Amino acid sequence: MAKGYWIARVDVHNEEGYKPYTVANPAIFNKFGGRFIVRGGKFEGIEGQSRARNVVIEFPDYETALACYHSPEYQENIKRRLPHSVADLIIVEGFDGPQP
């Protein structure tokens, strides 16, 4: 079964205000089997527009990734993030077919 992924790009304009959001996330992600694949780190924007932070979170499957996002816990946590950042987030199903 293909895994599910959150791919987020974030610009934070108030670090102190953003911290409660990041502190609450691990418990939410753990509940849904999520784990960080990418969390910040060096990057080079090669094409298109980029944001200051890049995050990839892996979930057991696409449906679980969606369920985490729509969960009451995460929806409440979003309220902590919104005043302090701008984000682009997609949820995508991983590839589970043959590799070249």
PDB file of N, CA and C in Angstrom:
ATOM      1  N   MET A   1       0.843  -1.181   0.000  1.00  0.00           N
ATOM      2  CA  MET A   1       0.000   0.000   0.000  1.00  0.00           C
ATOM      3  C   MET A   1       0.887   1.242   0.000  1.00  0.00           C
ATOM      4  N   ALA A   2       0.556   2.194  -0.834  1.00  0.00           N
ATOM      5  CA  ALA A   2       1.339   3.416  -0.929  1.00  0.00           C
ATOM      6  C   ALA A   2       1.175   4.270   0.321  1.00  0.00           C
ATOM      7  N   LYS A   3       2.237   4.887   0.721  1.00  0.00           N
ATOM      8  CA  LYS A   3       2.213   5.792   1.870  1.00  0.00           C
ATOM      9  C   LYS A   3       1.573   7.114   1.460  1.00  0.00           C
ATOM     10  N   GLY A   4       1.222   7.920   2.451  1.00  0.00           N
ATOM     11  CA  GLY A   4       0.707   9.261   2.221  1.00  0.00           C
ATOM     12  C   GLY A   4       1.692  10.276   2.758  1.00  0.00           C
ATOM     13  N   TYR A   5       1.740  11.435   2.139  1.00  0.00           N
ATOM     14  CA  TYR A   5       2.709  12.457   2.526  1.00  0.00           C
ATOM     15  C   TYR A   5       2.060  13.832   2.619  1.00  0.00           C
ATOM     16  N   TRP A   6       2.471  14.578   3.630  1.00  0.00           N
ATOM     17  CA  TRP A   6       2.214  16.013   3.661  1.00  0.00           C
ATOM     18  C   TRP A   6       3.482  16.666   3.135  1.00  0.00           C
ATOM     19  N   ILE A   7       3.321  17.587   2.211  1.00  0.00           N
ATOM     20  CA  ILE A   7       4.439  18.393   1.737  1.00  0.00           C
ATOM     21  C   ILE A   7       4.070  19.840   2.013  1.00  0.00           C
ATOM     22  N   ALA A   8       4.836  20.459   2.892  1.00  0.00           N
ATOM     23  CA  ALA A   8       4.530  21.825   3.324  1.00  0.00           C
ATOM     24  C   ALA A   8       5.713  22.735   3.059  1.00  0.00           C
ATOM     25  N   ARG A   9       5.382  23.956   2.667  1.00  0.00           N
ATOM     26  CA  ARG A   9       6.377  25.028   2.523  1.00  0.00           C
ATOM     27  C   ARG A   9       5.852  26.182   3.363  1.00  0.00           C
ATOM     28  N   VAL A  10       6.687  26.728   4.247  1.00  0.00           N
ATOM     29  CA  VAL A  10       6.207  27.673   5.252  1.00  0.00           C
ATOM     30  C   VAL A  10       7.145  28.867   5.383  1.00  0.00           C
ATOM     31  N   ASP A  11       6.554  30.046   5.487  1.00  0.00           N
ATOM     32  CA  ASP A  11       7.269  31.257   5.897  1.00  0.00           C
ATOM     33  C   ASP A  11       6.704  31.663   7.259  1.00  0.00           C
ATOM     34  N   VAL A  12       7.571  31.760   8.253  1.00  0.00           N
ATOM     35  CA  VAL A  12       7.167  32.161   9.603  1.00  0.00           C
ATOM     36  C   VAL A  12       7.587  33.609   9.812  1.00  0.00           C
ATOM     37  N   HIS A  13       6.642  34.453  10.229  1.00  0.00           N
ATOM     38  CA  HIS A  13       6.988  35.841  10.477  1.00  0.00           C
ATOM     39  C   HIS A  13       6.959  36.200  11.967  1.00  0.00           C
ATOM     40  N   ASN A  14       6.623  35.228  12.833  1.00  0.00           N
ATOM     41  CA  ASN A  14       6.672  35.442  14.279  1.00  0.00           C
ATOM     42  C   ASN A  14       7.070  34.110  14.931  1.00  0.00           C
ATOM     43  N   GLU A  15       8.363  33.947  15.163  1.00  0.00           N
ATOM     44  CA  GLU A  15       8.888  32.688  15.697  1.00  0.00           C
ATOM     45  C   GLU A  15       8.279  32.335  17.054  1.00  0.00           C
ATOM     46  N   GLU A  16       8.184  33.287  17.952  1.00  0.00           N
ATOM     47  CA  GLU A  16       7.642  33.013  19.288  1.00  0.00           C
ATOM     48  C   GLU A  16       6.183  32.594  19.213  1.00  0.00           C
ATOM     49  N   GLY A  17       5.416  33.255  18.392  1.00  0.00           N
ATOM     50  CA  GLY A  17       4.010  32.904  18.239  1.00  0.00           C
ATOM     51  C   GLY A  17       3.806  31.556  17.573  1.00  0.00           C
ATOM     52  N   TYR A  18       4.759  31.144  16.747  1.00  0.00           N
ATOM     53  CA  TYR A  18       4.683  29.889  15.997  1.00  0.00           C
ATOM     54  C   TYR A  18       5.029  28.666  16.861  1.00  0.00           C
ATOM     55  N   LYS A  19       5.808  28.871  17.912  1.00  0.00           N
ATOM     56  CA  LYS A  19       6.295  27.763  18.739  1.00  0.00           C
ATOM     57  C   LYS A  19       5.186  26.869  19.298  1.00  0.00           C
ATOM     58  N   PRO A  20       4.086  27.400  19.825  1.00  0.00           N
ATOM     59  CA  PRO A  20       3.046  26.503  20.353  1.00  0.00           C
ATOM     60  C   PRO A  20       2.507  25.528  19.298  1.00  0.00           C
ATOM     61  N   TYR A  21       2.475  25.943  18.052  1.00  0.00           N
ATOM     62  CA  TYR A  21       2.049  25.063  16.964  1.00  0.00           C
ATOM     63  C   TYR A  21       3.018  23.889  16.825  1.00  0.00           C
ATOM     64  N   THR A  22       4.302  24.181  16.788  1.00  0.00           N
ATOM     65  CA  THR A  22       5.284  23.113  16.607  1.00  0.00           C
ATOM     66  C   THR A  22       5.358  22.189  17.822  1.00  0.00           C
ATOM     67  N   VAL A  23       5.124  22.724  19.003  1.00  0.00           N
ATOM     68  CA  VAL A  23       5.153  21.909  20.221  1.00  0.00           C
ATOM     69  C   VAL A  23       3.988  20.916  20.237  1.00  0.00           C
ATOM     70  N   ALA A  24       2.835  21.308  19.733  1.00  0.00           N
ATOM     71  CA  ALA A  24       1.650  20.438  19.740  1.00  0.00           C
ATOM     72  C   ALA A  24       1.677  19.381  18.636  1.00  0.00           C
ATOM     73  N   ASN A  25       2.412  19.623  17.566  1.00  0.00           N
ATOM     74  CA  ASN A  25       2.377  18.712  16.414  1.00  0.00           C
ATOM     75  C   ASN A  25       2.828  17.281  16.689  1.00  0.00           C
ATOM     76  N   PRO A  26       3.915  17.021  17.404  1.00  0.00           N
ATOM     77  CA  PRO A  26       4.370  15.635  17.552  1.00  0.00           C
ATOM     78  C   PRO A  26       3.295  14.684  18.089  1.00  0.00           C
ATOM     79  N   ALA A  27       2.542  15.084  19.089  1.00  0.00           N
ATOM     80  CA  ALA A  27       1.494  14.212  19.635  1.00  0.00           C
ATOM     81  C   ALA A  27       0.423  13.924  18.592  1.00  0.00           C
ATOM     82  N   ILE A  28       0.086  14.929  17.805  1.00  0.00           N
ATOM     83  CA  ILE A  28      -0.927  14.742  16.756  1.00  0.00           C
ATOM     84  C   ILE A  28      -0.395  13.797  15.688  1.00  0.00           C
ATOM     85  N   PHE A  29       0.804  14.051  15.200  1.00  0.00           N
ATOM     86  CA  PHE A  29       1.373  13.216  14.143  1.00  0.00           C
ATOM     87  C   PHE A  29       1.585  11.783  14.624  1.00  0.00           C
ATOM     88  N   ASN A  30       2.041  11.605  15.861  1.00  0.00           N
ATOM     89  CA  ASN A  30       2.242  10.258  16.403  1.00  0.00           C
ATOM     90  C   ASN A  30       0.937   9.472  16.439  1.00  0.00           C
ATOM     91  N   LYS A  31      -0.151  10.134  16.785  1.00  0.00           N
ATOM     92  CA  LYS A  31      -1.453   9.472  16.845  1.00  0.00           C
ATOM     93  C   LYS A  31      -1.824   8.847  15.500  1.00  0.00           C
ATOM     94  N   PHE A  32      -1.366   9.467  14.400  1.00  0.00           N
ATOM     95  CA  PHE A  32      -1.696   9.002  13.057  1.00  0.00           C
ATOM     96  C   PHE A  32      -0.523   8.282  12.374  1.00  0.00           C
ATOM     97  N   GLY A  33       0.510   7.984  13.132  1.00  0.00           N
ATOM     98  CA  GLY A  33       1.651   7.260  12.570  1.00  0.00           C
ATOM     99  C   GLY A  33       2.522   8.109  11.670  1.00  0.00           C
ATOM    100  N   GLY A  34       2.449   9.431  11.814  1.00  0.00           N
ATOM    101  CA  GLY A  34       3.254  10.321  10.984  1.00  0.00           C
ATOM    102  C   GLY A  34       4.679  10.433  11.484  1.00  0.00           C
ATOM    103  N   ARG A  35       5.604  10.593  10.543  1.00  0.00           N
ATOM    104  CA  ARG A  35       7.006  10.812  10.918  1.00  0.00           C
ATOM    105  C   ARG A  35       7.639  11.783   9.934  1.00  0.00           C
ATOM    106  N   PHE A  36       8.506  12.630  10.473  1.00  0.00           N
ATOM    107  CA  PHE A  36       9.179  13.620   9.647  1.00  0.00           C
ATOM    108  C   PHE A  36      10.199  12.943   8.742  1.00  0.00           C
ATOM    109  N   ILE A  37      10.140  13.265   7.472  1.00  0.00           N
ATOM    110  CA  ILE A  37      11.140  12.857   6.497  1.00  0.00           C
ATOM    111  C   ILE A  37      12.062  14.049   6.231  1.00  0.00           C
ATOM    112  N   VAL A  38      11.463  15.228   6.122  1.00  0.00           N
ATOM    113  CA  VAL A  38      12.184  16.489   5.950  1.00  0.00           C
ATOM    114  C   VAL A  38      11.589  17.467   6.952  1.00  0.00           C
ATOM    115  N   ARG A  39      12.447  18.152   7.677  1.00  0.00           N
ATOM    116  CA  ARG A  39      11.976  19.173   8.624  1.00  0.00           C
ATOM    117  C   ARG A  39      13.016  20.285   8.641  1.00  0.00           C
ATOM    118  N   GLY A  40      12.822  21.257   7.761  1.00  0.00           N
ATOM    119  CA  GLY A  40      13.794  22.331   7.643  1.00  0.00           C
ATOM    120  C   GLY A  40      15.011  21.851   6.879  1.00  0.00           C
ATOM    121  N   GLY A  41      16.147  22.315   7.280  1.00  0.00           N
ATOM    122  CA  GLY A  41      17.388  21.904   6.630  1.00  0.00           C
ATOM    123  C   GLY A  41      17.732  22.787   5.445  1.00  0.00           C
ATOM    124  N   LYS A  42      18.940  22.588   4.954  1.00  0.00           N
ATOM    125  CA  LYS A  42      19.417  23.359   3.809  1.00  0.00           C
ATOM    126  C   LYS A  42      18.618  22.999   2.568  1.00  0.00           C
ATOM    127  N   PHE A  43      18.415  23.979   1.721  1.00  0.00           N
ATOM    128  CA  PHE A  43      17.773  23.731   0.430  1.00  0.00           C
ATOM    129  C   PHE A  43      18.181  24.827  -0.538  1.00  0.00           C
ATOM    130  N   GLU A  44      18.011  24.536  -1.789  1.00  0.00           N
ATOM    131  CA  GLU A  44      18.239  25.516  -2.842  1.00  0.00           C
ATOM    132  C   GLU A  44      17.012  25.512  -3.734  1.00  0.00           C
ATOM    133  N   GLY A  45      16.363  26.663  -3.842  1.00  0.00           N
ATOM    134  CA  GLY A  45      15.197  26.786  -4.707  1.00  0.00           C
ATOM    135  C   GLY A  45      15.651  26.844  -6.160  1.00  0.00           C
ATOM    136  N   ILE A  46      15.527  25.759  -6.876  1.00  0.00           N
ATOM    137  CA  ILE A  46      16.029  25.661  -8.245  1.00  0.00           C
ATOM    138  C   ILE A  46      15.052  26.246  -9.254  1.00  0.00           C
ATOM    139  N   GLU A  47      13.766  25.944  -9.092  1.00  0.00           N
ATOM    140  CA  GLU A  47      12.749  26.463 -10.011  1.00  0.00           C
ATOM    141  C   GLU A  47      11.531  26.907  -9.222  1.00  0.00           C
ATOM    142  N   GLY A  48      10.826  27.892  -9.744  1.00  0.00           N
ATOM    143  CA  GLY A  48       9.591  28.355  -9.109  1.00  0.00           C
ATOM    144  C   GLY A  48       9.867  29.108  -7.824  1.00  0.00           C
ATOM    145  N   GLN A  49       8.802  29.330  -7.082  1.00  0.00           N
ATOM    146  CA  GLN A  49       8.899  30.068  -5.827  1.00  0.00           C
ATOM    147  C   GLN A  49       9.121  29.099  -4.677  1.00  0.00           C
ATOM    148  N   SER A  50       9.807  29.568  -3.665  1.00  0.00           N
ATOM    149  CA  SER A  50      10.030  28.738  -2.493  1.00  0.00           C
ATOM    150  C   SER A  50       9.679  29.535  -1.243  1.00  0.00           C
ATOM    151  N   ARG A  51       9.617  28.837  -0.152  1.00  0.00           N
ATOM    152  CA  ARG A  51       9.416  29.452   1.160  1.00  0.00           C
ATOM    153  C   ARG A  51      10.598  29.067   2.041  1.00  0.00           C
ATOM    154  N   ALA A  52      10.709  29.692   3.195  1.00  0.00           N
ATOM    155  CA  ALA A  52      11.885  29.527   4.055  1.00  0.00           C
ATOM    156  C   ALA A  52      12.010  28.135   4.668  1.00  0.00           C
ATOM    157  N   ARG A  53      10.872  27.455   4.904  1.00  0.00           N
ATOM    158  CA  ARG A  53      10.900  26.130   5.533  1.00  0.00           C
ATOM    159  C   ARG A  53      10.206  25.121   4.643  1.00  0.00           C
ATOM    160  N   ASN A  54      10.760  23.929   4.614  1.00  0.00           N
ATOM    161  CA  ASN A  54      10.177  22.823   3.861  1.00  0.00           C
ATOM    162  C   ASN A  54      10.022  21.639   4.798  1.00  0.00           C
ATOM    163  N   VAL A  55       8.867  20.989   4.734  1.00  0.00           N
ATOM    164  CA  VAL A  55       8.575  19.867   5.618  1.00  0.00           C
ATOM    165  C   VAL A  55       7.905  18.770   4.800  1.00  0.00           C
ATOM    166  N   VAL A  56       8.346  17.524   5.003  1.00  0.00           N
ATOM    167  CA  VAL A  56       7.678  16.362   4.433  1.00  0.00           C
ATOM    168  C   VAL A  56       7.409  15.406   5.585  1.00  0.00           C
ATOM    169  N   ILE A  57       6.150  15.014   5.734  1.00  0.00           N
ATOM    170  CA  ILE A  57       5.750  14.074   6.787  1.00  0.00           C
ATOM    171  C   ILE A  57       5.150  12.859   6.111  1.00  0.00           C
ATOM    172  N   GLU A  58       5.635  11.688   6.495  1.00  0.00           N
ATOM    173  CA  GLU A  58       5.165  10.428   5.922  1.00  0.00           C
ATOM    174  C   GLU A  58       4.132   9.791   6.856  1.00  0.00           C
ATOM    175  N   PHE A  59       3.040   9.296   6.266  1.00  0.00           N
ATOM    176  CA  PHE A  59       1.996   8.585   6.999  1.00  0.00           C
ATOM    177  C   PHE A  59       1.850   7.185   6.417  1.00  0.00           C
ATOM    178  N   PRO A  60       1.234   6.272   7.169  1.00  0.00           N
ATOM    179  CA  PRO A  60       1.099   4.895   6.677  1.00  0.00           C
ATOM    180  C   PRO A  60       0.411   4.790   5.316  1.00  0.00           C
ATOM    181  N   ASP A  61      -0.524   5.696   5.028  1.00  0.00           N
ATOM    182  CA  ASP A  61      -1.220   5.692   3.744  1.00  0.00           C
ATOM    183  C   ASP A  61      -1.877   7.059   3.527  1.00  0.00           C
ATOM    184  N   TYR A  62      -2.380   7.255   2.333  1.00  0.00           N
ATOM    185  CA  TYR A  62      -2.993   8.525   1.937  1.00  0.00           C
ATOM    186  C   TYR A  62      -4.194   8.873   2.823  1.00  0.00           C
ATOM    187  N   GLU A  63      -5.037   7.879   3.093  1.00  0.00           N
ATOM    188  CA  GLU A  63      -6.236   8.124   3.896  1.00  0.00           C
ATOM    189  C   GLU A  63      -5.878   8.584   5.302  1.00  0.00           C
ATOM    190  N   THR A  64      -4.825   8.024   5.869  1.00  0.00           N
ATOM    191  CA  THR A  64      -4.388   8.426   7.210  1.00  0.00           C
ATOM    192  C   THR A  64      -3.824   9.841   7.188  1.00  0.00           C
ATOM    193  N   ALA A  65      -3.113  10.181   6.135  1.00  0.00           N
ATOM    194  CA  ALA A  65      -2.588  11.547   6.003  1.00  0.00           C
ATOM    195  C   ALA A  65      -3.737  12.555   5.968  1.00  0.00           C
ATOM    196  N   LEU A  66      -4.783  12.232   5.215  1.00  0.00           N
ATOM    197  CA  LEU A  66      -5.964  13.110   5.166  1.00  0.00           C
ATOM    198  C   LEU A  66      -6.662  13.159   6.523  1.00  0.00           C
ATOM    199  N   ALA A  67      -6.800  12.002   7.164  1.00  0.00           N
ATOM    200  CA  ALA A  67      -7.476  11.949   8.459  1.00  0.00           C
ATOM    201  C   ALA A  67      -6.751  12.791   9.500  1.00  0.00           C
ATOM    202  N   CYS A  68      -5.435  12.774   9.478  1.00  0.00           N
ATOM    203  CA  CYS A  68      -4.669  13.599  10.404  1.00  0.00           C
ATOM    204  C   CYS A  68      -4.969  15.069  10.184  1.00  0.00           C
ATOM    205  N   TYR A  69      -4.932  15.493   8.927  1.00  0.00           N
ATOM    206  CA  TYR A  69      -5.194  16.901   8.633  1.00  0.00           C
ATOM    207  C   TYR A  69      -6.587  17.313   9.096  1.00  0.00           C
ATOM    208  N   HIS A  70      -7.576  16.480   8.855  1.00  0.00           N
ATOM    209  CA  HIS A  70      -8.963  16.819   9.174  1.00  0.00           C
ATOM    210  C   HIS A  70      -9.343  16.518  10.627  1.00  0.00           C
ATOM    211  N   SER A  71      -8.416  15.961  11.399  1.00  0.00           N
ATOM    212  CA  SER A  71      -8.718  15.619  12.791  1.00  0.00           C
ATOM    213  C   SER A  71      -9.005  16.877  13.608  1.00  0.00           C
ATOM    214  N   PRO A  72      -9.856  16.751  14.624  1.00  0.00           N
ATOM    215  CA  PRO A  72     -10.125  17.906  15.500  1.00  0.00           C
ATOM    216  C   PRO A  72      -8.850  18.464  16.125  1.00  0.00           C
ATOM    217  N   GLU A  73      -7.908  17.575  16.476  1.00  0.00           N
ATOM    218  CA  GLU A  73      -6.667  18.036  17.108  1.00  0.00           C
ATOM    219  C   GLU A  73      -5.866  18.933  16.172  1.00  0.00           C
ATOM    220  N   TYR A  74      -5.711  18.507  14.913  1.00  0.00           N
ATOM    221  CA  TYR A  74      -4.918  19.327  13.997  1.00  0.00           C
ATOM    222  C   TYR A  74      -5.668  20.592  13.599  1.00  0.00           C
ATOM    223  N   GLN A  75      -6.960  20.481  13.403  1.00  0.00           N
ATOM    224  CA  GLN A  75      -7.728  21.669  13.043  1.00  0.00           C
ATOM    225  C   GLN A  75      -7.651  22.735  14.146  1.00  0.00           C
ATOM    226  N   GLU A  76      -7.618  22.296  15.392  1.00  0.00           N
ATOM    227  CA  GLU A  76      -7.436  23.235  16.503  1.00  0.00           C
ATOM    228  C   GLU A  76      -6.025  23.810  16.479  1.00  0.00           C
ATOM    229  N   ASN A  77      -5.043  22.981  16.168  1.00  0.00           N
ATOM    230  CA  ASN A  77      -3.648  23.438  16.153  1.00  0.00           C
ATOM    231  C   ASN A  77      -3.391  24.442  15.033  1.00  0.00           C
ATOM    232  N   ILE A  78      -4.082  24.301  13.925  1.00  0.00           N
ATOM    233  CA  ILE A  78      -3.911  25.262  12.825  1.00  0.00           C
ATOM    234  C   ILE A  78      -4.144  26.689  13.314  1.00  0.00           C
ATOM    235  N   LYS A  79      -5.061  26.854  14.234  1.00  0.00           N
ATOM    236  CA  LYS A  79      -5.371  28.197  14.762  1.00  0.00           C
ATOM    237  C   LYS A  79      -4.152  28.832  15.418  1.00  0.00           C
ATOM    238  N   ARG A  80      -3.231  28.014  15.919  1.00  0.00           N
ATOM    239  CA  ARG A  80      -1.995  28.542  16.518  1.00  0.00           C
ATOM    240  C   ARG A  80      -1.008  29.000  15.441  1.00  0.00           C
ATOM    241  N   ARG A  81      -1.064  28.353  14.282  1.00  0.00           N
ATOM    242  CA  ARG A  81      -0.124  28.648  13.203  1.00  0.00           C
ATOM    243  C   ARG A  81      -0.533  29.859  12.371  1.00  0.00           C
ATOM    244  N   LEU A  82      -1.797  29.949  12.029  1.00  0.00           N
ATOM    245  CA  LEU A  82      -2.253  30.925  11.038  1.00  0.00           C
ATOM    246  C   LEU A  82      -1.838  32.369  11.299  1.00  0.00           C
ATOM    247  N   PRO A  83      -1.917  32.874  12.526  1.00  0.00           N
ATOM    248  CA  PRO A  83      -1.535  34.285  12.713  1.00  0.00           C
ATOM    249  C   PRO A  83      -0.035  34.556  12.559  1.00  0.00           C
ATOM    250  N   HIS A  84       0.765  33.504  12.530  1.00  0.00           N
ATOM    251  CA  HIS A  84       2.212  33.674  12.607  1.00  0.00           C
ATOM    252  C   HIS A  84       2.981  33.181  11.393  1.00  0.00           C
ATOM    253  N   SER A  85       2.258  32.701  10.378  1.00  0.00           N
ATOM    254  CA  SER A  85       2.950  32.143   9.227  1.00  0.00           C
ATOM    255  C   SER A  85       2.051  32.113   8.002  1.00  0.00           C
ATOM    256  N   VAL A  86       2.681  31.850   6.869  1.00  0.00           N
ATOM    257  CA  VAL A  86       1.987  31.597   5.615  1.00  0.00           C
ATOM    258  C   VAL A  86       2.506  30.252   5.120  1.00  0.00           C
ATOM    259  N   ALA A  87       1.591  29.375   4.717  1.00  0.00           N
ATOM    260  CA  ALA A  87       2.019  28.028   4.330  1.00  0.00           C
ATOM    261  C   ALA A  87       1.291  27.552   3.086  1.00  0.00           C
ATOM    262  N   ASP A  88       1.972  26.702   2.344  1.00  0.00           N
ATOM    263  CA  ASP A  88       1.385  25.926   1.253  1.00  0.00           C
ATOM    264  C   ASP A  88       1.495  24.475   1.703  1.00  0.00           C
ATOM    265  N   LEU A  89       0.396  23.730   1.631  1.00  0.00           N
ATOM    266  CA  LEU A  89       0.403  22.343   2.066  1.00  0.00           C
ATOM    267  C   LEU A  89      -0.367  21.494   1.073  1.00  0.00           C
ATOM    268  N   ILE A  90       0.242  20.402   0.656  1.00  0.00           N
ATOM    269  CA  ILE A  90      -0.478  19.424  -0.154  1.00  0.00           C
ATOM    270  C   ILE A  90      -0.365  18.079   0.538  1.00  0.00           C
ATOM    271  N   ILE A  91      -1.354  17.240   0.299  1.00  0.00           N
ATOM    272  CA  ILE A  91      -1.322  15.864   0.770  1.00  0.00           C
ATOM    273  C   ILE A  91      -1.344  15.006  -0.481  1.00  0.00           C
ATOM    274  N   VAL A  92      -0.354  14.122  -0.578  1.00  0.00           N
ATOM    275  CA  VAL A  92      -0.170  13.356  -1.818  1.00  0.00           C
ATOM    276  C   VAL A  92       0.042  11.884  -1.491  1.00  0.00           C
ATOM    277  N   GLU A  93      -0.449  11.042  -2.372  1.00  0.00           N
ATOM    278  CA  GLU A  93      -0.221   9.619  -2.250  1.00  0.00           C
ATOM    279  C   GLU A  93       1.137   9.281  -2.821  1.00  0.00           C
ATOM    280  N   GLY A  94       1.895   8.454  -2.105  1.00  0.00           N
ATOM    281  CA  GLY A  94       3.207   8.030  -2.565  1.00  0.00           C
ATOM    282  C   GLY A  94       3.090   7.059  -3.738  1.00  0.00           C
ATOM    283  N   PHE A  95       4.218   6.804  -4.357  1.00  0.00           N
ATOM    284  CA  PHE A  95       4.282   5.869  -5.490  1.00  0.00           C
ATOM    285  C   PHE A  95       4.643   4.493  -4.969  1.00  0.00           C
ATOM    286  N   ASP A  96       3.862   3.506  -5.352  1.00  0.00           N
ATOM    287  CA  ASP A  96       4.071   2.156  -4.850  1.00  0.00           C
ATOM    288  C   ASP A  96       4.288   1.160  -5.996  1.00  0.00           C
ATOM    289  N   GLY A  97       4.704   1.670  -7.140  1.00  0.00           N
ATOM    290  CA  GLY A  97       4.916   0.804  -8.292  1.00  0.00           C
ATOM    291  C   GLY A  97       6.376   0.473  -8.497  1.00  0.00           C
ATOM    292  N   PRO A  98       6.671  -0.200  -9.592  1.00  0.00           N
ATOM    293  CA  PRO A  98       8.063  -0.569  -9.889  1.00  0.00           C
ATOM    294  C   PRO A  98       8.931   0.658 -10.150  1.00  0.00           C
ATOM    295  N   GLN A  99      10.148   0.565  -9.715  1.00  0.00           N
ATOM    296  CA  GLN A  99      11.116   1.647  -9.926  1.00  0.00           C
ATOM    297  C   GLN A  99      11.943   1.356 -11.178  1.00  0.00           C
ATOM    298  N   PRO A 100      12.471   2.413 -11.779  1.00  0.00           N
ATOM    299  CA  PRO A 100      13.301   2.194 -12.994  1.00  0.00           C
ATOM    300  C   PRO A 100      14.559   1.396 -12.681  1.00  0.00           C
TER     301      PRO A 100
END
